Amino acid sequence: MGYIDTKNLYVNVKGKEIAYRELGKGNSEYPLVMLVHLAATLDQWDPELLDLLAKKNHVVVIDLPGVGGSEGKVAKTIPGMAQQAVDIIDALGYNKINLLGLSMGGMIAQEIVKIEPQLVNRLALTGTAARGGEEVDKVTPKTFSFMFKAAKEKVDPKRYIFYTHDEQGAKEAKIVLDRMNARKDENKDKDIKVISFLRQLRAIKKWGKDKPDDLSFITQPTLIANGEHDMQVPTKGSYELHAKIKDSQLVIYPNAGHGSIFQYADQFAEKLNSFLAE
């Protein structure tokens, strides 16, 4: 069974039911926990990418509190979301994981390493930036601008948030969005609520305005990936992460934007699987 047919599972965390999905159980020594982007639920992971990763890894994806099928409230800060994630990982029974964060998920991942460094074996940061990084505090106006543009054209907002705004970007967006939309209704996660989305935006803005981190606390082997034309979280932020995180690896995909790991699912899965197996 592939990710497109995988249903939500639930774990009780501090009295709240938290939604998660898993694939490839038993395929790796450590589970690969993946944290998704702003406004996303479990349905916004590219099923092709997850299937490719699950061939070599036990993949676990989660809805943080207040998101999708999870009860509770979205934390007011990125560090607060990180603590929520740690509590979920603990409730699932894992004391050592590999960790991937996409966009906002990458911000949360950095904070997880800060508060529970012994928890993370290897780290992957995709389409993201450091605390106080360039234009992180501008994610809110960018998001609404791209959403407005998409609404006028009656297309999914991810068309403009995640892909280049040219004809090739439109083609790449359709390929990935068609894969995501293939999930049957009975297997779908709940949509994020507007209030939860707005709380996430405020948390990102605050994190973007905070004093920049030097990231010296990240000592785990780290893989950084992005597209060369990320307009949501500028690609420059990935280069800055690479410069600050000692011995990190950097992959920049050509003719791609914020959704590069979905657009280049085959190549990224091969790279990440190899990185996690080192």
C-alpha atoms as a PDB file:
ATOM      1  CA  MET A   1       0.000   0.000   0.000  1.00  0.00           C
ATOM      2  CA  GLY A   2       1.317   3.437  -0.955  1.00  0.00           C
ATOM      3  CA  TYR A   3       0.976   6.759   0.804  1.00  0.00           C
ATOM      4  CA  ILE A   4      -2.036   7.792  -1.291  1.00  0.00           C
ATOM      5  CA  ASP A   5      -4.014   4.975   0.384  1.00  0.00           C
ATOM      6  CA  THR A   6      -2.567   5.370   3.885  1.00  0.00           C
ATOM      7  CA  LYS A   7      -5.154   6.416   6.467  1.00  0.00           C
ATOM      8  CA  ASN A   8      -4.729   8.514   9.581  1.00  0.00           C
ATOM      9  CA  LEU A   9      -3.654   6.836  12.797  1.00  0.00           C
ATOM     10  CA  TYR A  10      -4.014   8.489  16.190  1.00  0.00           C
ATOM     11  CA  VAL A  11      -1.930   8.712  19.348  1.00  0.00           C
ATOM     12  CA  ASN A  12      -2.996  10.337  22.616  1.00  0.00           C
ATOM     13  CA  VAL A  13      -0.652  13.125  23.671  1.00  0.00           C
ATOM     14  CA  LYS A  14      -1.473  14.943  26.922  1.00  0.00           C
ATOM     15  CA  GLY A  15      -5.147  14.139  26.546  1.00  0.00           C
ATOM     16  CA  LYS A  16      -5.403  15.154  22.876  1.00  0.00           C
ATOM     17  CA  GLU A  17      -5.784  12.842  19.890  1.00  0.00           C
ATOM     18  CA  ILE A  18      -2.973  13.514  17.421  1.00  0.00           C
ATOM     19  CA  ALA A  19      -3.143  12.363  13.795  1.00  0.00           C
ATOM     20  CA  TYR A  20      -0.209  10.736  12.045  1.00  0.00           C
ATOM     21  CA  ARG A  21       0.562   8.356   9.193  1.00  0.00           C
ATOM     22  CA  GLU A  22       3.401   5.907   8.693  1.00  0.00           C
ATOM     23  CA  LEU A  23       4.915   3.924   5.851  1.00  0.00           C
ATOM     24  CA  GLY A  24       7.776   1.445   5.562  1.00  0.00           C
ATOM     25  CA  LYS A  25       7.717   0.344   9.187  1.00  0.00           C
ATOM     26  CA  GLY A  26      10.828  -1.703   9.932  1.00  0.00           C
ATOM     27  CA  ASN A  27      12.757  -0.391   6.931  1.00  0.00           C
ATOM     28  CA  SER A  28      15.304   1.641   8.933  1.00  0.00           C
ATOM     29  CA  GLU A  29      17.007   1.716  12.318  1.00  0.00           C
ATOM     30  CA  TYR A  30      15.554   5.146  13.060  1.00  0.00           C
ATOM     31  CA  PRO A  31      12.181   6.487  11.890  1.00  0.00           C
ATOM     32  CA  LEU A  32      12.253   9.429   9.508  1.00  0.00           C
ATOM     33  CA  VAL A  33       9.896  11.979  11.065  1.00  0.00           C
ATOM     34  CA  MET A  34       8.751  14.635   8.585  1.00  0.00           C
ATOM     35  CA  LEU A  35       7.301  18.053   9.471  1.00  0.00           C
ATOM     36  CA  VAL A  36       5.220  19.774   6.833  1.00  0.00           C
ATOM     37  CA  HIS A  37       4.872  23.393   5.690  1.00  0.00           C
ATOM     38  CA  LEU A  38       2.592  26.294   6.588  1.00  0.00           C
ATOM     39  CA  ALA A  39      -1.163  25.580   6.343  1.00  0.00           C
ATOM     40  CA  ALA A  40      -0.510  21.961   5.367  1.00  0.00           C
ATOM     41  CA  THR A  41      -2.057  18.766   6.654  1.00  0.00           C
ATOM     42  CA  LEU A  42      -1.025  15.175   6.010  1.00  0.00           C
ATOM     43  CA  ASP A  43      -2.578  15.403   2.545  1.00  0.00           C
ATOM     44  CA  GLN A  44      -0.029  17.984   1.379  1.00  0.00           C
ATOM     45  CA  TRP A  45       2.842  15.517   1.241  1.00  0.00           C
ATOM     46  CA  ASP A  46       3.642  14.341  -2.280  1.00  0.00           C
ATOM     47  CA  PRO A  47       2.695  10.632  -2.276  1.00  0.00           C
ATOM     48  CA  GLU A  48       5.369   9.778  -4.831  1.00  0.00           C
ATOM     49  CA  LEU A  49       8.119  11.265  -2.662  1.00  0.00           C
ATOM     50  CA  LEU A  50       6.906   9.454   0.450  1.00  0.00           C
ATOM     51  CA  ASP A  51       6.655   6.144  -1.373  1.00  0.00           C
ATOM     52  CA  LEU A  52      10.233   6.512  -2.599  1.00  0.00           C
ATOM     53  CA  LEU A  53      11.499   7.381   0.886  1.00  0.00           C
ATOM     54  CA  ALA A  54       9.547   4.525   2.471  1.00  0.00           C
ATOM     55  CA  LYS A  55      11.417   1.984   0.342  1.00  0.00           C
ATOM     56  CA  LYS A  56      14.441   2.599   2.559  1.00  0.00           C
ATOM     57  CA  ASN A  57      12.965   4.244   5.664  1.00  0.00           C
ATOM     58  CA  HIS A  58      10.245   3.972   8.259  1.00  0.00           C
ATOM     59  CA  VAL A  59       8.491   7.249   7.416  1.00  0.00           C
ATOM     60  CA  VAL A  60       6.316   9.040   9.992  1.00  0.00           C
ATOM     61  CA  VAL A  61       4.367  12.213   9.210  1.00  0.00           C
ATOM     62  CA  ILE A  62       2.354  14.086  11.833  1.00  0.00           C
ATOM     63  CA  ASP A  63      -0.282  16.785  12.223  1.00  0.00           C
ATOM     64  CA  LEU A  64       0.770  19.066  15.059  1.00  0.00           C
ATOM     65  CA  PRO A  65      -1.986  20.082  17.535  1.00  0.00           C
ATOM     66  CA  GLY A  66      -4.726  22.180  15.956  1.00  0.00           C
ATOM     67  CA  VAL A  67      -3.817  21.050  12.436  1.00  0.00           C
ATOM     68  CA  GLY A  68      -5.786  18.632  10.247  1.00  0.00           C
ATOM     69  CA  GLY A  69      -7.055  15.667  12.226  1.00  0.00           C
ATOM     70  CA  SER A  70      -5.218  16.597  15.441  1.00  0.00           C
ATOM     71  CA  GLU A  71      -7.015  18.003  18.452  1.00  0.00           C
ATOM     72  CA  GLY A  72      -5.643  20.932  20.437  1.00  0.00           C
ATOM     73  CA  LYS A  73      -4.353  24.355  19.448  1.00  0.00           C
ATOM     74  CA  VAL A  74      -1.520  25.560  17.246  1.00  0.00           C
ATOM     75  CA  ALA A  75       1.312  26.836  19.434  1.00  0.00           C
ATOM     76  CA  LYS A  76       1.896  30.595  19.432  1.00  0.00           C
ATOM     77  CA  THR A  77       5.605  30.266  18.623  1.00  0.00           C
ATOM     78  CA  ILE A  78       7.911  28.096  16.532  1.00  0.00           C
ATOM     79  CA  PRO A  79       9.716  26.836  19.691  1.00  0.00           C
ATOM     80  CA  GLY A  80       6.284  25.995  21.096  1.00  0.00           C
ATOM     81  CA  MET A  81       5.526  23.923  17.993  1.00  0.00           C
ATOM     82  CA  ALA A  82       8.875  22.194  18.434  1.00  0.00           C
ATOM     83  CA  GLN A  83       7.950  21.158  21.968  1.00  0.00           C
ATOM     84  CA  GLN A  84       4.609  19.857  20.675  1.00  0.00           C
ATOM     85  CA  ALA A  85       6.473  17.772  18.092  1.00  0.00           C
ATOM     86  CA  VAL A  86       8.848  16.389  20.728  1.00  0.00           C
ATOM     87  CA  ASP A  87       5.880  15.393  22.891  1.00  0.00           C
ATOM     88  CA  ILE A  88       4.304  13.549  19.937  1.00  0.00           C
ATOM     89  CA  ILE A  89       7.557  11.762  19.080  1.00  0.00           C
ATOM     90  CA  ASP A  90       7.896  10.725  22.724  1.00  0.00           C
ATOM     91  CA  ALA A  91       4.295   9.446  22.788  1.00  0.00           C
ATOM     92  CA  LEU A  92       5.039   7.361  19.687  1.00  0.00           C
ATOM     93  CA  GLY A  93       7.870   5.741  21.640  1.00  0.00           C
ATOM     94  CA  TYR A  94      10.903   7.012  19.727  1.00  0.00           C
ATOM     95  CA  ASN A  95      14.059   8.107  21.523  1.00  0.00           C
ATOM     96  CA  LYS A  96      16.160   8.628  18.379  1.00  0.00           C
ATOM     97  CA  ILE A  97      14.952   9.785  14.958  1.00  0.00           C
ATOM     98  CA  ASN A  98      16.031  11.169  11.639  1.00  0.00           C
ATOM     99  CA  LEU A  99      14.225  14.465  11.053  1.00  0.00           C
ATOM    100  CA  LEU A 100      13.114  16.332   7.939  1.00  0.00           C
ATOM    101  CA  GLY A 101      11.444  19.734   7.962  1.00  0.00           C
ATOM    102  CA  LEU A 102       9.920  21.491   4.950  1.00  0.00           C
ATOM    103  CA  SER A 103       9.563  25.296   5.077  1.00  0.00           C
ATOM    104  CA  MET A 104       7.873  26.041   8.434  1.00  0.00           C
ATOM    105  CA  GLY A 105       8.609  22.426   9.306  1.00  0.00           C
ATOM    106  CA  GLY A 106      12.295  23.177   8.803  1.00  0.00           C
ATOM    107  CA  MET A 107      12.056  26.050  11.265  1.00  0.00           C
ATOM    108  CA  ILE A 108      10.433  23.730  13.795  1.00  0.00           C
ATOM    109  CA  ALA A 109      13.100  21.094  13.132  1.00  0.00           C
ATOM    110  CA  GLN A 110      15.868  23.539  14.027  1.00  0.00           C
ATOM    111  CA  GLU A 111      14.153  24.289  17.338  1.00  0.00           C
ATOM    112  CA  ILE A 112      13.754  20.564  18.055  1.00  0.00           C
ATOM    113  CA  VAL A 113      17.514  20.133  17.718  1.00  0.00           C
ATOM    114  CA  LYS A 114      18.001  23.054  20.096  1.00  0.00           C
ATOM    115  CA  ILE A 115      15.736  21.710  22.866  1.00  0.00           C
ATOM    116  CA  GLU A 116      16.355  17.940  22.394  1.00  0.00           C
ATOM    117  CA  PRO A 117      19.703  17.543  20.591  1.00  0.00           C
ATOM    118  CA  GLN A 118      20.091  13.885  21.591  1.00  0.00           C
ATOM    119  CA  LEU A 119      16.787  13.030  19.869  1.00  0.00           C
ATOM    120  CA  VAL A 120      17.966  13.765  16.320  1.00  0.00           C
ATOM    121  CA  ASN A 121      20.405  11.476  14.510  1.00  0.00           C
ATOM    122  CA  ARG A 122      20.430  13.157  11.082  1.00  0.00           C
ATOM    123  CA  LEU A 123      18.705  16.317   9.905  1.00  0.00           C
ATOM    124  CA  ALA A 124      17.281  17.488   6.565  1.00  0.00           C
ATOM    125  CA  LEU A 125      16.198  21.117   6.078  1.00  0.00           C
ATOM    126  CA  THR A 126      14.283  21.843   2.882  1.00  0.00           C
ATOM    127  CA  GLY A 127      12.879  25.115   1.554  1.00  0.00           C
ATOM    128  CA  THR A 128      13.598  26.862   4.828  1.00  0.00           C
ATOM    129  CA  ALA A 129      15.850  29.356   6.606  1.00  0.00           C
ATOM    130  CA  ALA A 130      17.348  30.113  10.003  1.00  0.00           C
ATOM    131  CA  ARG A 131      15.684  32.110  12.759  1.00  0.00           C
ATOM    132  CA  GLY A 132      15.902  35.771  11.788  1.00  0.00           C
ATOM    133  CA  GLY A 133      16.781  34.794   8.207  1.00  0.00           C
ATOM    134  CA  GLU A 134      16.249  37.014   5.198  1.00  0.00           C
ATOM    135  CA  GLU A 135      12.550  37.686   4.457  1.00  0.00           C
ATOM    136  CA  VAL A 136      11.267  35.054   6.898  1.00  0.00           C
ATOM    137  CA  ASP A 137       9.225  37.836   8.507  1.00  0.00           C
ATOM    138  CA  LYS A 138       7.688  38.555   5.080  1.00  0.00           C
ATOM    139  CA  VAL A 139       6.111  35.119   4.645  1.00  0.00           C
ATOM    140  CA  THR A 140       2.666  36.479   5.571  1.00  0.00           C
ATOM    141  CA  PRO A 141       2.358  39.162   2.865  1.00  0.00           C
ATOM    142  CA  LYS A 142       3.935  36.840   0.297  1.00  0.00           C
ATOM    143  CA  THR A 143       1.480  34.073   1.144  1.00  0.00           C
ATOM    144  CA  PHE A 144      -1.547  36.327   0.789  1.00  0.00           C
ATOM    145  CA  SER A 145      -0.189  37.794  -2.446  1.00  0.00           C
ATOM    146  CA  PHE A 146       0.264  34.337  -3.975  1.00  0.00           C
ATOM    147  CA  MET A 147      -3.138  33.224  -2.673  1.00  0.00           C
ATOM    148  CA  PHE A 148      -4.796  36.266  -4.277  1.00  0.00           C
ATOM    149  CA  LYS A 149      -3.050  35.587  -7.590  1.00  0.00           C
ATOM    150  CA  ALA A 150      -4.154  31.951  -7.487  1.00  0.00           C
ATOM    151  CA  ALA A 151      -7.740  32.882  -6.579  1.00  0.00           C
ATOM    152  CA  LYS A 152      -8.002  35.182  -9.609  1.00  0.00           C
ATOM    153  CA  GLU A 153      -6.912  32.306 -11.829  1.00  0.00           C
ATOM    154  CA  LYS A 154      -8.954  29.720  -9.900  1.00  0.00           C
ATOM    155  CA  VAL A 155      -5.980  27.475  -9.203  1.00  0.00           C
ATOM    156  CA  ASP A 156      -4.479  25.922  -6.069  1.00  0.00           C
ATOM    157  CA  PRO A 157      -2.404  28.507  -4.116  1.00  0.00           C
ATOM    158  CA  LYS A 158       0.500  26.047  -4.129  1.00  0.00           C
ATOM    159  CA  ARG A 159       0.791  26.716  -7.855  1.00  0.00           C
ATOM    160  CA  TYR A 160       2.421  30.071  -7.047  1.00  0.00           C
ATOM    161  CA  ILE A 161       3.772  29.444  -3.562  1.00  0.00           C
ATOM    162  CA  PHE A 162       5.717  26.307  -4.505  1.00  0.00           C
ATOM    163  CA  TYR A 163       6.555  26.607  -8.194  1.00  0.00           C
ATOM    164  CA  THR A 164       8.108  29.107 -10.560  1.00  0.00           C
ATOM    165  CA  HIS A 165       5.633  31.509 -12.152  1.00  0.00           C
ATOM    166  CA  ASP A 166       6.449  30.604 -15.741  1.00  0.00           C
ATOM    167  CA  GLU A 167       4.916  28.027 -18.074  1.00  0.00           C
ATOM    168  CA  GLN A 168       7.269  25.288 -16.897  1.00  0.00           C
ATOM    169  CA  GLY A 169       6.286  25.994 -13.291  1.00  0.00           C
ATOM    170  CA  ALA A 170       2.626  25.550 -14.224  1.00  0.00           C
ATOM    171  CA  LYS A 171       3.386  22.150 -15.747  1.00  0.00           C
ATOM    172  CA  GLU A 172       5.415  21.012 -12.749  1.00  0.00           C
ATOM    173  CA  ALA A 173       2.709  22.188 -10.328  1.00  0.00           C
ATOM    174  CA  LYS A 174       0.013  20.254 -12.183  1.00  0.00           C
ATOM    175  CA  ILE A 175       2.034  17.033 -12.093  1.00  0.00           C
ATOM    176  CA  VAL A 176       2.547  17.158  -8.319  1.00  0.00           C
ATOM    177  CA  LEU A 177      -0.904  18.513  -7.433  1.00  0.00           C
ATOM    178  CA  ASP A 178      -2.545  15.781  -9.510  1.00  0.00           C
ATOM    179  CA  ARG A 179      -0.595  13.212  -7.482  1.00  0.00           C
ATOM    180  CA  MET A 180      -1.759  14.771  -4.204  1.00  0.00           C
ATOM    181  CA  ASN A 181      -5.373  15.053  -5.358  1.00  0.00           C
ATOM    182  CA  ALA A 182      -5.566  11.349  -6.242  1.00  0.00           C
ATOM    183  CA  ARG A 183      -6.358  10.475  -2.617  1.00  0.00           C
ATOM    184  CA  LYS A 184      -9.876   9.129  -2.117  1.00  0.00           C
ATOM    185  CA  ASP A 185     -12.246  11.174   0.043  1.00  0.00           C
ATOM    186  CA  GLU A 186     -12.581   8.500   2.737  1.00  0.00           C
ATOM    187  CA  ASN A 187      -8.796   8.605   3.313  1.00  0.00           C
ATOM    188  CA  LYS A 188      -8.438  12.385   3.449  1.00  0.00           C
ATOM    189  CA  ASP A 189      -7.263  14.384   6.433  1.00  0.00           C
ATOM    190  CA  LYS A 190      -9.304  17.296   7.755  1.00  0.00           C
ATOM    191  CA  ASP A 191      -8.555  20.736   6.289  1.00  0.00           C
ATOM    192  CA  ILE A 192      -6.686  23.230   8.436  1.00  0.00           C
ATOM    193  CA  LYS A 193      -8.892  25.811  10.136  1.00  0.00           C
ATOM    194  CA  VAL A 194      -8.428  29.491   9.310  1.00  0.00           C
ATOM    195  CA  ILE A 195      -7.625  30.337  12.945  1.00  0.00           C
ATOM    196  CA  SER A 196      -4.869  27.701  12.979  1.00  0.00           C
ATOM    197  CA  PHE A 197      -3.422  29.033   9.725  1.00  0.00           C
ATOM    198  CA  LEU A 198      -3.329  32.575  11.127  1.00  0.00           C
ATOM    199  CA  ARG A 199      -1.626  31.403  14.331  1.00  0.00           C
ATOM    200  CA  GLN A 200       1.057  29.722  12.220  1.00  0.00           C
ATOM    201  CA  LEU A 201       1.607  32.922  10.230  1.00  0.00           C
ATOM    202  CA  ARG A 202       2.039  34.968  13.411  1.00  0.00           C
ATOM    203  CA  ALA A 203       4.512  32.433  14.793  1.00  0.00           C
ATOM    204  CA  ILE A 204       6.590  32.532  11.605  1.00  0.00           C
ATOM    205  CA  LYS A 205       6.611  36.340  11.586  1.00  0.00           C
ATOM    206  CA  LYS A 206       7.811  36.445  15.195  1.00  0.00           C
ATOM    207  CA  TRP A 207      10.502  33.850  14.485  1.00  0.00           C
ATOM    208  CA  GLY A 208      11.618  35.834  11.433  1.00  0.00           C
ATOM    209  CA  LYS A 209      11.978  39.016  13.489  1.00  0.00           C
ATOM    210  CA  ASP A 210      13.924  37.342  16.300  1.00  0.00           C
ATOM    211  CA  LYS A 211      17.672  37.685  16.699  1.00  0.00           C
ATOM    212  CA  PRO A 212      19.420  35.469  14.113  1.00  0.00           C
ATOM    213  CA  ASP A 213      20.793  32.121  15.276  1.00  0.00           C
ATOM    214  CA  ASP A 214      24.389  31.171  14.587  1.00  0.00           C
ATOM    215  CA  LEU A 215      23.217  27.509  14.453  1.00  0.00           C
ATOM    216  CA  SER A 216      26.277  26.271  16.319  1.00  0.00           C
ATOM    217  CA  PHE A 217      23.918  24.008  18.275  1.00  0.00           C
ATOM    218  CA  ILE A 218      23.335  21.897  15.143  1.00  0.00           C
ATOM    219  CA  THR A 219      26.100  19.304  15.192  1.00  0.00           C
ATOM    220  CA  GLN A 220      24.181  16.489  13.484  1.00  0.00           C
ATOM    221  CA  PRO A 221      24.983  15.590   9.877  1.00  0.00           C
ATOM    222  CA  THR A 222      22.686  17.930   7.934  1.00  0.00           C
ATOM    223  CA  LEU A 223      21.347  17.950   4.384  1.00  0.00           C
ATOM    224  CA  ILE A 224      19.947  21.227   3.010  1.00  0.00           C
ATOM    225  CA  ALA A 225      17.855  21.343  -0.172  1.00  0.00           C
ATOM    226  CA  ASN A 226      15.958  23.987  -2.118  1.00  0.00           C
ATOM    227  CA  GLY A 227      15.093  25.186  -5.593  1.00  0.00           C
ATOM    228  CA  GLU A 228      17.158  27.902  -7.219  1.00  0.00           C
ATOM    229  CA  HIS A 229      14.123  30.229  -7.453  1.00  0.00           C
ATOM    230  CA  ASP A 230      12.381  29.918  -4.075  1.00  0.00           C
ATOM    231  CA  MET A 231      10.228  33.054  -3.741  1.00  0.00           C
ATOM    232  CA  GLN A 232       8.451  32.051  -0.515  1.00  0.00           C
ATOM    233  CA  VAL A 233      11.563  31.501   1.629  1.00  0.00           C
ATOM    234  CA  PRO A 234      14.383  32.901  -0.537  1.00  0.00           C
ATOM    235  CA  THR A 235      17.000  30.421  -1.709  1.00  0.00           C
ATOM    236  CA  LYS A 236      19.646  32.650  -0.146  1.00  0.00           C
ATOM    237  CA  GLY A 237      18.456  31.308   3.217  1.00  0.00           C
ATOM    238  CA  SER A 238      19.544  27.804   2.228  1.00  0.00           C
ATOM    239  CA  TYR A 239      23.015  29.051   1.399  1.00  0.00           C
ATOM    240  CA  GLU A 240      23.127  30.786   4.790  1.00  0.00           C
ATOM    241  CA  LEU A 241      22.109  27.563   6.534  1.00  0.00           C
ATOM    242  CA  HIS A 242      24.884  25.748   4.694  1.00  0.00           C
ATOM    243  CA  ALA A 243      27.425  28.377   5.731  1.00  0.00           C
ATOM    244  CA  LYS A 244      26.378  28.245   9.393  1.00  0.00           C
ATOM    245  CA  ILE A 245      25.967  24.486   9.863  1.00  0.00           C
ATOM    246  CA  LYS A 246      29.373  22.823   9.973  1.00  0.00           C
ATOM    247  CA  ASP A 247      29.994  20.096   7.386  1.00  0.00           C
ATOM    248  CA  SER A 248      26.445  20.354   6.022  1.00  0.00           C
ATOM    249  CA  GLN A 249      25.550  19.273   2.482  1.00  0.00           C
ATOM    250  CA  LEU A 250      23.673  21.589   0.107  1.00  0.00           C
ATOM    251  CA  VAL A 251      21.605  20.648  -2.946  1.00  0.00           C
ATOM    252  CA  ILE A 252      20.009  23.331  -5.152  1.00  0.00           C
ATOM    253  CA  TYR A 253      17.650  22.113  -7.873  1.00  0.00           C
ATOM    254  CA  PRO A 254      17.503  24.069 -11.156  1.00  0.00           C
ATOM    255  CA  ASN A 255      14.331  25.685 -12.514  1.00  0.00           C
ATOM    256  CA  ALA A 256      12.529  24.987  -9.240  1.00  0.00           C
ATOM    257  CA  GLY A 257      11.057  26.955  -6.376  1.00  0.00           C
ATOM    258  CA  HIS A 258       9.762  26.281  -2.872  1.00  0.00           C
ATOM    259  CA  GLY A 259       8.449  22.838  -3.849  1.00  0.00           C
ATOM    260  CA  SER A 260      11.704  21.534  -5.280  1.00  0.00           C
ATOM    261  CA  ILE A 261      11.675  18.281  -3.284  1.00  0.00           C
ATOM    262  CA  PHE A 262       8.307  17.396  -4.844  1.00  0.00           C
ATOM    263  CA  GLN A 263       9.259  18.571  -8.334  1.00  0.00           C
ATOM    264  CA  TYR A 264      12.475  16.526  -8.116  1.00  0.00           C
ATOM    265  CA  ALA A 265      10.985  13.673  -6.070  1.00  0.00           C
ATOM    266  CA  ASP A 266      13.131  10.943  -7.657  1.00  0.00           C
ATOM    267  CA  GLN A 267      16.405  12.816  -7.301  1.00  0.00           C
ATOM    268  CA  PHE A 268      15.703  14.119  -3.811  1.00  0.00           C
ATOM    269  CA  ALA A 269      14.581  10.721  -2.528  1.00  0.00           C
ATOM    270  CA  GLU A 270      17.758   9.136  -3.865  1.00  0.00           C
ATOM    271  CA  LYS A 271      19.866  11.845  -2.241  1.00  0.00           C
ATOM    272  CA  LEU A 272      18.060  11.712   1.098  1.00  0.00           C
ATOM    273  CA  ASN A 273      18.028   7.908   1.242  1.00  0.00           C
ATOM    274  CA  SER A 274      21.774   7.882   0.578  1.00  0.00           C
ATOM    275  CA  PHE A 275      22.388  10.612   3.162  1.00  0.00           C
ATOM    276  CA  LEU A 276      20.404   8.800   5.851  1.00  0.00           C
ATOM    277  CA  ALA A 277      22.231   5.535   5.146  1.00  0.00           C
ATOM    278  CA  GLU A 278      25.719   7.026   5.506  1.00  0.00           C
END
